[in-house]
């Protein structure tokens, strides 16, 4: 009995989903938050559930600040909505 040709079969990927870090510095402390999927790009705006109504923007992409950690890290800055001009400004 001949075995089926498995070279064309697609097997489920054993690679874990991509992971990245978000780095948010605030008054006297910082937070590292792990994300799953594709890391955001410079200029992307984010809203994090734990930050309430705070709007954040990715200011740069770099390496993780943790030793021996190869994940990319998106560094965030808080934005504040200006009611007078209707535009966003750095805080």
PDB file of N, CA and C in Angstrom:
ATOM      1  N   UNK A   1       0.846  -1.179   0.000  1.00  0.00           N
ATOM      2  CA  UNK A   1       0.000   0.000   0.000  1.00  0.00           C
ATOM      3  C   UNK A   1       0.891   1.241   0.000  1.00  0.00           C
ATOM      4  N   UNK A   2       0.646   2.161  -0.890  1.00  0.00           N
ATOM      5  CA  UNK A   2       1.457   3.369  -1.022  1.00  0.00           C
ATOM      6  C   UNK A   2       1.007   4.422  -0.008  1.00  0.00           C
ATOM      7  N   UNK A   3       1.968   5.164   0.514  1.00  0.00           N
ATOM      8  CA  UNK A   3       1.664   6.254   1.446  1.00  0.00           C
ATOM      9  C   UNK A   3       1.280   7.510   0.674  1.00  0.00           C
ATOM     10  N   UNK A   4       0.358   8.317   1.186  1.00  0.00           N
ATOM     11  CA  UNK A   4      -0.017   9.546   0.487  1.00  0.00           C
ATOM     12  C   UNK A   4       1.146  10.539   0.469  1.00  0.00           C
ATOM     13  N   UNK A   5       1.200  11.353  -0.565  1.00  0.00           N
ATOM     14  CA  UNK A   5       2.221  12.388  -0.683  1.00  0.00           C
ATOM     15  C   UNK A   5       1.855  13.533   0.254  1.00  0.00           C
ATOM     16  N   UNK A   6       2.655  13.749   1.298  1.00  0.00           N
ATOM     17  CA  UNK A   6       2.351  14.790   2.290  1.00  0.00           C
ATOM     18  C   UNK A   6       3.094  16.087   2.024  1.00  0.00           C
ATOM     19  N   UNK A   7       3.872  16.153   0.943  1.00  0.00           N
ATOM     20  CA  UNK A   7       4.654  17.368   0.688  1.00  0.00           C
ATOM     21  C   UNK A   7       3.772  18.569   0.392  1.00  0.00           C
ATOM     22  N   UNK A   8       2.539  18.342  -0.049  1.00  0.00           N
ATOM     23  CA  UNK A   8       1.644  19.450  -0.362  1.00  0.00           C
ATOM     24  C   UNK A   8       0.675  19.762   0.779  1.00  0.00           C
ATOM     25  N   UNK A   9       0.719  18.962   1.833  1.00  0.00           N
ATOM     26  CA  UNK A   9      -0.174  19.190   2.976  1.00  0.00           C
ATOM     27  C   UNK A   9       0.324  20.372   3.792  1.00  0.00           C
ATOM     28  N   UNK A  10      -0.583  21.179   4.256  1.00  0.00           N
ATOM     29  CA  UNK A  10      -0.162  22.284   5.122  1.00  0.00           C
ATOM     30  C   UNK A  10      -0.415  21.888   6.567  1.00  0.00           C
ATOM     31  N   UNK A  11       0.630  21.935   7.339  1.00  0.00           N
ATOM     32  CA  UNK A  11       0.544  21.616   8.751  1.00  0.00           C
ATOM     33  C   UNK A  11       0.394  22.903   9.546  1.00  0.00           C
ATOM     34  N   UNK A  12      -0.290  22.844  10.667  1.00  0.00           N
ATOM     35  CA  UNK A  12      -0.416  24.046  11.476  1.00  0.00           C
ATOM     36  C   UNK A  12       0.958  24.548  11.916  1.00  0.00           C
ATOM     37  N   UNK A  13       1.117  25.853  11.934  1.00  0.00           N
ATOM     38  CA  UNK A  13       2.390  26.452  12.329  1.00  0.00           C
ATOM     39  C   UNK A  13       2.621  26.241  13.815  1.00  0.00           C
ATOM     40  N   UNK A  14       3.853  25.891  14.149  1.00  0.00           N
ATOM     41  CA  UNK A  14       4.205  25.711  15.554  1.00  0.00           C
ATOM     42  C   UNK A  14       4.841  26.967  16.123  1.00  0.00           C
ATOM     43  N   UNK A  15       4.942  28.006  15.297  1.00  0.00           N
ATOM     44  CA  UNK A  15       5.503  29.271  15.779  1.00  0.00           C
ATOM     45  C   UNK A  15       4.483  29.975  16.671  1.00  0.00           C
ATOM     46  N   UNK A  16       4.927  30.440  17.822  1.00  0.00           N
ATOM     47  CA  UNK A  16       3.994  31.200  18.664  1.00  0.00           C
ATOM     48  C   UNK A  16       3.697  32.549  18.015  1.00  0.00           C
ATOM     49  N   UNK A  17       2.580  33.183  18.372  1.00  0.00           N
ATOM     50  CA  UNK A  17       2.289  34.494  17.799  1.00  0.00           C
ATOM     51  C   UNK A  17       3.383  35.497  18.181  1.00  0.00           C
ATOM     52  N   UNK A  18       3.582  36.488  17.321  1.00  0.00           N
ATOM     53  CA  UNK A  18       4.581  37.525  17.598  1.00  0.00           C
ATOM     54  C   UNK A  18       4.194  38.289  18.854  1.00  0.00           C
ATOM     55  N   UNK A  19       5.183  38.688  19.604  1.00  0.00           N
ATOM     56  CA  UNK A  19       4.961  39.463  20.828  1.00  0.00           C
ATOM     57  C   UNK A  19       5.857  40.691  20.795  1.00  0.00           C
ATOM     58  N   UNK A  20       5.406  41.748  21.448  1.00  0.00           N
ATOM     59  CA  UNK A  20       6.158  42.988  21.524  1.00  0.00           C
ATOM     60  C   UNK A  20       5.859  43.647  22.862  1.00  0.00           C
ATOM     61  N   UNK A  21       6.615  44.691  23.178  1.00  0.00           N
ATOM     62  CA  UNK A  21       6.393  45.443  24.415  1.00  0.00           C
ATOM     63  C   UNK A  21       5.969  46.864  24.096  1.00  0.00           C
ATOM     64  N   UNK A  22       5.176  47.432  24.988  1.00  0.00           N
ATOM     65  CA  UNK A  22       4.866  48.862  24.978  1.00  0.00           C
ATOM     66  C   UNK A  22       5.518  49.450  26.212  1.00  0.00           C
ATOM     67  N   UNK A  23       6.279  50.521  26.045  1.00  0.00           N
ATOM     68  CA  UNK A  23       6.980  51.186  27.147  1.00  0.00           C
ATOM     69  C   UNK A  23       6.331  52.542  27.353  1.00  0.00           C
ATOM     70  N   UNK A  24       5.787  52.756  28.549  1.00  0.00           N
ATOM     71  CA  UNK A  24       5.140  54.023  28.870  1.00  0.00           C
ATOM     72  C   UNK A  24       5.762  54.604  30.125  1.00  0.00           C
ATOM     73  N   UNK A  25       6.417  55.739  29.987  1.00  0.00           N
ATOM     74  CA  UNK A  25       7.012  56.426  31.133  1.00  0.00           C
ATOM     75  C   UNK A  25       6.036  57.485  31.626  1.00  0.00           C
ATOM     76  N   UNK A  26       5.902  57.575  32.945  1.00  0.00           N
ATOM     77  CA  UNK A  26       5.081  58.624  33.551  1.00  0.00           C
ATOM     78  C   UNK A  26       5.826  59.162  34.758  1.00  0.00           C
ATOM     79  N   UNK A  27       5.239  60.070  35.459  1.00  0.00           N
ATOM     80  CA  UNK A  27       5.903  60.760  36.572  1.00  0.00           C
ATOM     81  C   UNK A  27       6.524  59.772  37.567  1.00  0.00           C
ATOM     82  N   UNK A  28       7.836  59.628  37.500  1.00  0.00           N
ATOM     83  CA  UNK A  28       8.570  58.827  38.468  1.00  0.00           C
ATOM     84  C   UNK A  28       8.456  57.320  38.321  1.00  0.00           C
ATOM     85  N   UNK A  29       7.796  56.826  37.284  1.00  0.00           N
ATOM     86  CA  UNK A  29       7.692  55.383  37.105  1.00  0.00           C
ATOM     87  C   UNK A  29       7.473  55.065  35.626  1.00  0.00           C
ATOM     88  N   UNK A  30       7.494  53.778  35.313  1.00  0.00           N
ATOM     89  CA  UNK A  30       7.224  53.369  33.944  1.00  0.00           C
ATOM     90  C   UNK A  30       6.440  52.070  33.958  1.00  0.00           C
ATOM     91  N   UNK A  31       5.815  51.763  32.834  1.00  0.00           N
ATOM     92  CA  UNK A  31       5.075  50.520  32.690  1.00  0.00           C
ATOM     93  C   UNK A  31       5.537  49.820  31.417  1.00  0.00           C
ATOM     94  N   UNK A  32       5.677  48.511  31.495  1.00  0.00           N
ATOM     95  CA  UNK A  32       5.943  47.662  30.335  1.00  0.00           C
ATOM     96  C   UNK A  32       4.723  46.776  30.149  1.00  0.00           C
ATOM     97  N   UNK A  33       4.139  46.837  28.977  1.00  0.00           N
ATOM     98  CA  UNK A  33       2.937  46.076  28.686  1.00  0.00           C
ATOM     99  C   UNK A  33       3.233  45.179  27.490  1.00  0.00           C
ATOM    100  N   UNK A  34       2.916  43.894  27.606  1.00  0.00           N
ATOM    101  CA  UNK A  34       3.161  42.970  26.507  1.00  0.00           C
ATOM    102  C   UNK A  34       1.970  42.955  25.564  1.00  0.00           C
ATOM    103  N   UNK A  35       2.270  43.003  24.277  1.00  0.00           N
ATOM    104  CA  UNK A  35       1.247  42.909  23.252  1.00  0.00           C
ATOM    105  C   UNK A  35       1.478  41.686  22.395  1.00  0.00           C
ATOM    106  N   UNK A  36       0.424  41.216  21.751  1.00  0.00           N
ATOM    107  CA  UNK A  36       0.499  40.051  20.872  1.00  0.00           C
ATOM    108  C   UNK A  36       0.090  40.487  19.476  1.00  0.00           C
ATOM    109  N   UNK A  37       0.838  40.048  18.482  1.00  0.00           N
ATOM    110  CA  UNK A  37       0.551  40.404  17.094  1.00  0.00           C
ATOM    111  C   UNK A  37       1.664  41.280  16.544  1.00  0.00           C
ATOM    112  N   UNK A  38       1.306  42.144  15.625  1.00  0.00           N
ATOM    113  CA  UNK A  38       2.274  43.041  14.997  1.00  0.00           C
ATOM    114  C   UNK A  38       2.431  44.298  15.845  1.00  0.00           C
ATOM    115  N   UNK A  39       3.663  44.686  16.103  1.00  0.00           N
ATOM    116  CA  UNK A  39       3.932  45.890  16.898  1.00  0.00           C
ATOM    117  C   UNK A  39       3.418  47.125  16.155  1.00  0.00           C
ATOM    118  N   UNK A  40       2.925  48.130  16.898  1.00  0.00           N
ATOM    119  CA  UNK A  40       2.499  49.364  16.246  1.00  0.00           C
ATOM    120  C   UNK A  40       3.684  50.090  15.622  1.00  0.00           C
ATOM    121  N   UNK A  41       3.394  51.008  14.704  1.00  0.00           N
ATOM    122  CA  UNK A  41       4.440  51.767  14.015  1.00  0.00           C
ATOM    123  C   UNK A  41       4.563  53.161  14.607  1.00  0.00           C
ATOM    124  N   UNK A  42       5.691  53.812  14.336  1.00  0.00           N
ATOM    125  CA  UNK A  42       5.907  55.194  14.788  1.00  0.00           C
ATOM    126  C   UNK A  42       4.771  56.058  14.238  1.00  0.00           C
ATOM    127  N   UNK A  43       4.189  56.860  15.130  1.00  0.00           N
ATOM    128  CA  UNK A  43       3.088  57.735  14.748  1.00  0.00           C
ATOM    129  C   UNK A  43       1.713  57.154  15.020  1.00  0.00           C
ATOM    130  N   UNK A  44       1.625  55.833  15.246  1.00  0.00           N
ATOM    131  CA  UNK A  44       0.337  55.226  15.564  1.00  0.00           C
ATOM    132  C   UNK A  44      -0.167  55.740  16.909  1.00  0.00           C
ATOM    133  N   UNK A  45      -1.459  56.016  16.994  1.00  0.00           N
ATOM    134  CA  UNK A  45      -2.079  56.449  18.243  1.00  0.00           C
ATOM    135  C   UNK A  45      -2.781  55.262  18.882  1.00  0.00           C
ATOM    136  N   UNK A  46      -2.641  55.145  20.198  1.00  0.00           N
ATOM    137  CA  UNK A  46      -3.223  54.036  20.945  1.00  0.00           C
ATOM    138  C   UNK A  46      -4.039  54.567  22.113  1.00  0.00           C
ATOM    139  N   UNK A  47      -5.008  53.795  22.516  1.00  0.00           N
ATOM    140  CA  UNK A  47      -5.735  54.033  23.759  1.00  0.00           C
ATOM    141  C   UNK A  47      -5.668  52.734  24.543  1.00  0.00           C
ATOM    142  N   UNK A  48      -5.099  52.787  25.737  1.00  0.00           N
ATOM    143  CA  UNK A  48      -4.978  51.593  26.566  1.00  0.00           C
ATOM    144  C   UNK A  48      -6.082  51.609  27.615  1.00  0.00           C
ATOM    145  N   UNK A  49      -6.756  50.480  27.782  1.00  0.00           N
ATOM    146  CA  UNK A  49      -7.877  50.383  28.719  1.00  0.00           C
ATOM    147  C   UNK A  49      -7.471  50.781  30.138  1.00  0.00           C
ATOM    148  N   UNK A  50      -6.280  50.396  30.555  1.00  0.00           N
ATOM    149  CA  UNK A  50      -5.824  50.697  31.917  1.00  0.00           C
ATOM    150  C   UNK A  50      -5.479  52.165  32.127  1.00  0.00           C
ATOM    151  N   UNK A  51      -5.370  52.928  31.051  1.00  0.00           N
ATOM    152  CA  UNK A  51      -4.972  54.332  31.144  1.00  0.00           C
ATOM    153  C   UNK A  51      -6.169  55.278  31.079  1.00  0.00           C
ATOM    154  N   UNK A  52      -7.377  54.769  31.149  1.00  0.00           N
ATOM    155  CA  UNK A  52      -8.562  55.621  31.102  1.00  0.00           C
ATOM    156  C   UNK A  52      -8.728  56.246  29.737  1.00  0.00           C
ATOM    157  N   UNK A  53      -8.887  57.556  29.710  1.00  0.00           N
ATOM    158  CA  UNK A  53      -9.106  58.282  28.459  1.00  0.00           C
ATOM    159  C   UNK A  53      -7.801  58.751  27.814  1.00  0.00           C
ATOM    160  N   UNK A  54      -6.657  58.411  28.390  1.00  0.00           N
ATOM    161  CA  UNK A  54      -5.378  58.883  27.874  1.00  0.00           C
ATOM    162  C   UNK A  54      -5.140  58.376  26.463  1.00  0.00           C
ATOM    163  N   UNK A  55      -4.706  59.280  25.592  1.00  0.00           N
ATOM    164  CA  UNK A  55      -4.317  58.905  24.226  1.00  0.00           C
ATOM    165  C   UNK A  55      -2.800  58.899  24.162  1.00  0.00           C
ATOM    166  N   UNK A  56      -2.269  57.897  23.495  1.00  0.00           N
ATOM    167  CA  UNK A  56      -0.825  57.708  23.432  1.00  0.00           C
ATOM    168  C   UNK A  56      -0.399  57.614  21.984  1.00  0.00           C
ATOM    169  N   UNK A  57       0.836  58.033  21.718  1.00  0.00           N
ATOM    170  CA  UNK A  57       1.390  57.926  20.369  1.00  0.00           C
ATOM    171  C   UNK A  57       2.737  57.213  20.460  1.00  0.00           C
ATOM    172  N   UNK A  58       3.026  56.383  19.465  1.00  0.00           N
ATOM    173  CA  UNK A  58       4.316  55.691  19.398  1.00  0.00           C
ATOM    174  C   UNK A  58       5.352  56.694  18.913  1.00  0.00           C
ATOM    175  N   UNK A  59       6.339  56.996  19.765  1.00  0.00           N
ATOM    176  CA  UNK A  59       7.364  57.976  19.411  1.00  0.00           C
ATOM    177  C   UNK A  59       8.590  57.337  18.771  1.00  0.00           C
ATOM    178  N   UNK A  60       8.855  56.062  19.102  1.00  0.00           N
ATOM    179  CA  UNK A  60       9.965  55.355  18.465  1.00  0.00           C
ATOM    180  C   UNK A  60       9.806  53.865  18.679  1.00  0.00           C
ATOM    181  N   UNK A  61      10.453  53.101  17.818  1.00  0.00           N
ATOM    182  CA  UNK A  61      10.530  51.652  17.960  1.00  0.00           C
ATOM    183  C   UNK A  61      11.968  51.290  18.249  1.00  0.00           C
ATOM    184  N   UNK A  62      12.159  50.357  19.144  1.00  0.00           N
ATOM    185  CA  UNK A  62      13.517  49.952  19.488  1.00  0.00           C
ATOM    186  C   UNK A  62      13.515  48.557  20.076  1.00  0.00           C
ATOM    187  N   UNK A  63      14.619  48.227  20.709  1.00  0.00           N
ATOM    188  CA  UNK A  63      14.765  46.936  21.360  1.00  0.00           C
ATOM    189  C   UNK A  63      14.152  47.003  22.751  1.00  0.00           C
ATOM    190  N   UNK A  64      13.820  45.859  23.265  1.00  0.00           N
ATOM    191  CA  UNK A  64      13.301  45.764  24.625  1.00  0.00           C
ATOM    192  C   UNK A  64      14.336  46.296  25.610  1.00  0.00           C
ATOM    193  N   UNK A  65      13.890  47.001  26.656  1.00  0.00           N
ATOM    194  CA  UNK A  65      14.836  47.463  27.679  1.00  0.00           C
ATOM    195  C   UNK A  65      15.262  46.350  28.639  1.00  0.00           C
ATOM    196  N   UNK A  66      14.668  45.171  28.508  1.00  0.00           N
ATOM    197  CA  UNK A  66      15.003  44.055  29.394  1.00  0.00           C
ATOM    198  C   UNK A  66      16.215  43.302  28.849  1.00  0.00           C
ATOM    199  N   UNK A  67      17.120  42.885  29.717  1.00  0.00           N
ATOM    200  CA  UNK A  67      18.306  42.147  29.254  1.00  0.00           C
ATOM    201  C   UNK A  67      17.918  40.825  28.585  1.00  0.00           C
ATOM    202  N   UNK A  68      18.606  40.492  27.520  1.00  0.00           N
ATOM    203  CA  UNK A  68      18.441  39.227  26.791  1.00  0.00           C
ATOM    204  C   UNK A  68      17.033  39.039  26.223  1.00  0.00           C
ATOM    205  N   UNK A  69      16.296  40.108  26.044  1.00  0.00           N
ATOM    206  CA  UNK A  69      14.937  40.052  25.501  1.00  0.00           C
ATOM    207  C   UNK A  69      14.982  40.552  24.067  1.00  0.00           C
ATOM    208  N   UNK A  70      14.576  39.739  23.122  1.00  0.00           N
ATOM    209  CA  UNK A  70      14.692  40.079  21.707  1.00  0.00           C
ATOM    210  C   UNK A  70      13.419  40.696  21.129  1.00  0.00           C
ATOM    211  N   UNK A  71      12.393  40.894  21.966  1.00  0.00           N
ATOM    212  CA  UNK A  71      11.147  41.472  21.449  1.00  0.00           C
ATOM    213  C   UNK A  71      11.344  42.939  21.084  1.00  0.00           C
ATOM    214  N   UNK A  72      10.642  43.406  20.051  1.00  0.00           N
ATOM    215  CA  UNK A  72      10.668  44.843  19.760  1.00  0.00           C
ATOM    216  C   UNK A  72       9.868  45.590  20.825  1.00  0.00           C
ATOM    217  N   UNK A  73      10.157  46.854  20.966  1.00  0.00           N
ATOM    218  CA  UNK A  73       9.477  47.678  21.962  1.00  0.00           C
ATOM    219  C   UNK A  73       9.035  48.985  21.319  1.00  0.00           C
ATOM    220  N   UNK A  74       7.760  49.329  21.511  1.00  0.00           N
ATOM    221  CA  UNK A  74       7.216  50.608  21.045  1.00  0.00           C
ATOM    222  C   UNK A  74       7.193  51.554  22.237  1.00  0.00           C
ATOM    223  N   UNK A  75       7.906  52.659  22.119  1.00  0.00           N
ATOM    224  CA  UNK A  75       7.974  53.652  23.193  1.00  0.00           C
ATOM    225  C   UNK A  75       6.860  54.671  22.980  1.00  0.00           C
ATOM    226  N   UNK A  76       6.063  54.882  24.031  1.00  0.00           N
ATOM    227  CA  UNK A  76       4.863  55.705  23.930  1.00  0.00           C
ATOM    228  C   UNK A  76       5.010  57.033  24.643  1.00  0.00           C
ATOM    229  N   UNK A  77       4.313  58.042  24.126  1.00  0.00           N
ATOM    230  CA  UNK A  77       4.201  59.342  24.779  1.00  0.00           C
ATOM    231  C   UNK A  77       2.723  59.666  24.893  1.00  0.00           C
ATOM    232  N   UNK A  78       2.349  60.311  25.989  1.00  0.00           N
ATOM    233  CA  UNK A  78       0.954  60.709  26.183  1.00  0.00           C
ATOM    234  C   UNK A  78       0.648  61.942  25.351  1.00  0.00           C
ATOM    235  N   UNK A  79      -0.555  61.983  24.830  1.00  0.00           N
ATOM    236  CA  UNK A  79      -1.061  63.141  24.102  1.00  0.00           C
ATOM    237  C   UNK A  79      -2.220  63.720  24.890  1.00  0.00           C
ATOM    238  N   UNK A  80      -2.408  65.022  24.749  1.00  0.00           N
ATOM    239  CA  UNK A  80      -3.529  65.681  25.408  1.00  0.00           C
ATOM    240  C   UNK A  80      -4.333  66.406  24.346  1.00  0.00           C
ATOM    241  N   UNK A  81      -5.623  66.249  24.380  1.00  0.00           N
ATOM    242  CA  UNK A  81      -6.494  66.911  23.417  1.00  0.00           C
ATOM    243  C   UNK A  81      -6.658  68.365  23.808  1.00  0.00           C
ATOM    244  N   UNK A  82      -6.451  69.263  22.864  1.00  0.00           N
ATOM    245  CA  UNK A  82      -6.614  70.686  23.127  1.00  0.00           C
ATOM    246  C   UNK A  82      -8.009  71.111  22.678  1.00  0.00           C
ATOM    247  N   UNK A  83      -8.851  71.490  23.630  1.00  0.00           N
ATOM    248  CA  UNK A  83     -10.239  71.865  23.330  1.00  0.00           C
ATOM    249  C   UNK A  83     -10.309  73.133  22.472  1.00  0.00           C
ATOM    250  N   UNK A  84      -9.369  74.070  22.694  1.00  0.00           N
ATOM    251  CA  UNK A  84      -9.416  75.336  21.966  1.00  0.00           C
ATOM    252  C   UNK A  84      -9.119  75.155  20.476  1.00  0.00           C
ATOM    253  N   UNK A  85      -8.080  74.381  20.168  1.00  0.00           N
ATOM    254  CA  UNK A  85      -7.675  74.258  18.777  1.00  0.00           C
ATOM    255  C   UNK A  85      -8.200  73.010  18.101  1.00  0.00           C
ATOM    256  N   UNK A  86      -8.681  72.061  18.905  1.00  0.00           N
ATOM    257  CA  UNK A  86      -9.158  70.821  18.344  1.00  0.00           C
ATOM    258  C   UNK A  86      -8.048  69.913  17.866  1.00  0.00           C
ATOM    259  N   UNK A  87      -6.795  70.244  18.189  1.00  0.00           N
ATOM    260  CA  UNK A  87      -5.666  69.432  17.756  1.00  0.00           C
ATOM    261  C   UNK A  87      -5.048  68.706  18.951  1.00  0.00           C
ATOM    262  N   UNK A  88      -4.138  67.812  18.661  1.00  0.00           N
ATOM    263  CA  UNK A  88      -3.431  67.081  19.705  1.00  0.00           C
ATOM    264  C   UNK A  88      -2.066  67.710  19.932  1.00  0.00           C
ATOM    265  N   UNK A  89      -1.669  67.796  21.203  1.00  0.00           N
ATOM    266  CA  UNK A  89      -0.358  68.358  21.533  1.00  0.00           C
ATOM    267  C   UNK A  89       0.356  67.437  22.491  1.00  0.00           C
ATOM    268  N   UNK A  90       1.690  67.460  22.469  1.00  0.00           N
ATOM    269  CA  UNK A  90       2.477  66.678  23.408  1.00  0.00           C
ATOM    270  C   UNK A  90       2.298  67.224  24.805  1.00  0.00           C
ATOM    271  N   UNK A  91       2.324  66.315  25.775  1.00  0.00           N
ATOM    272  CA  UNK A  91       2.255  66.711  27.185  1.00  0.00           C
ATOM    273  C   UNK A  91       3.627  66.637  27.775  1.00  0.00           C
TER     274      UNK A  91
END
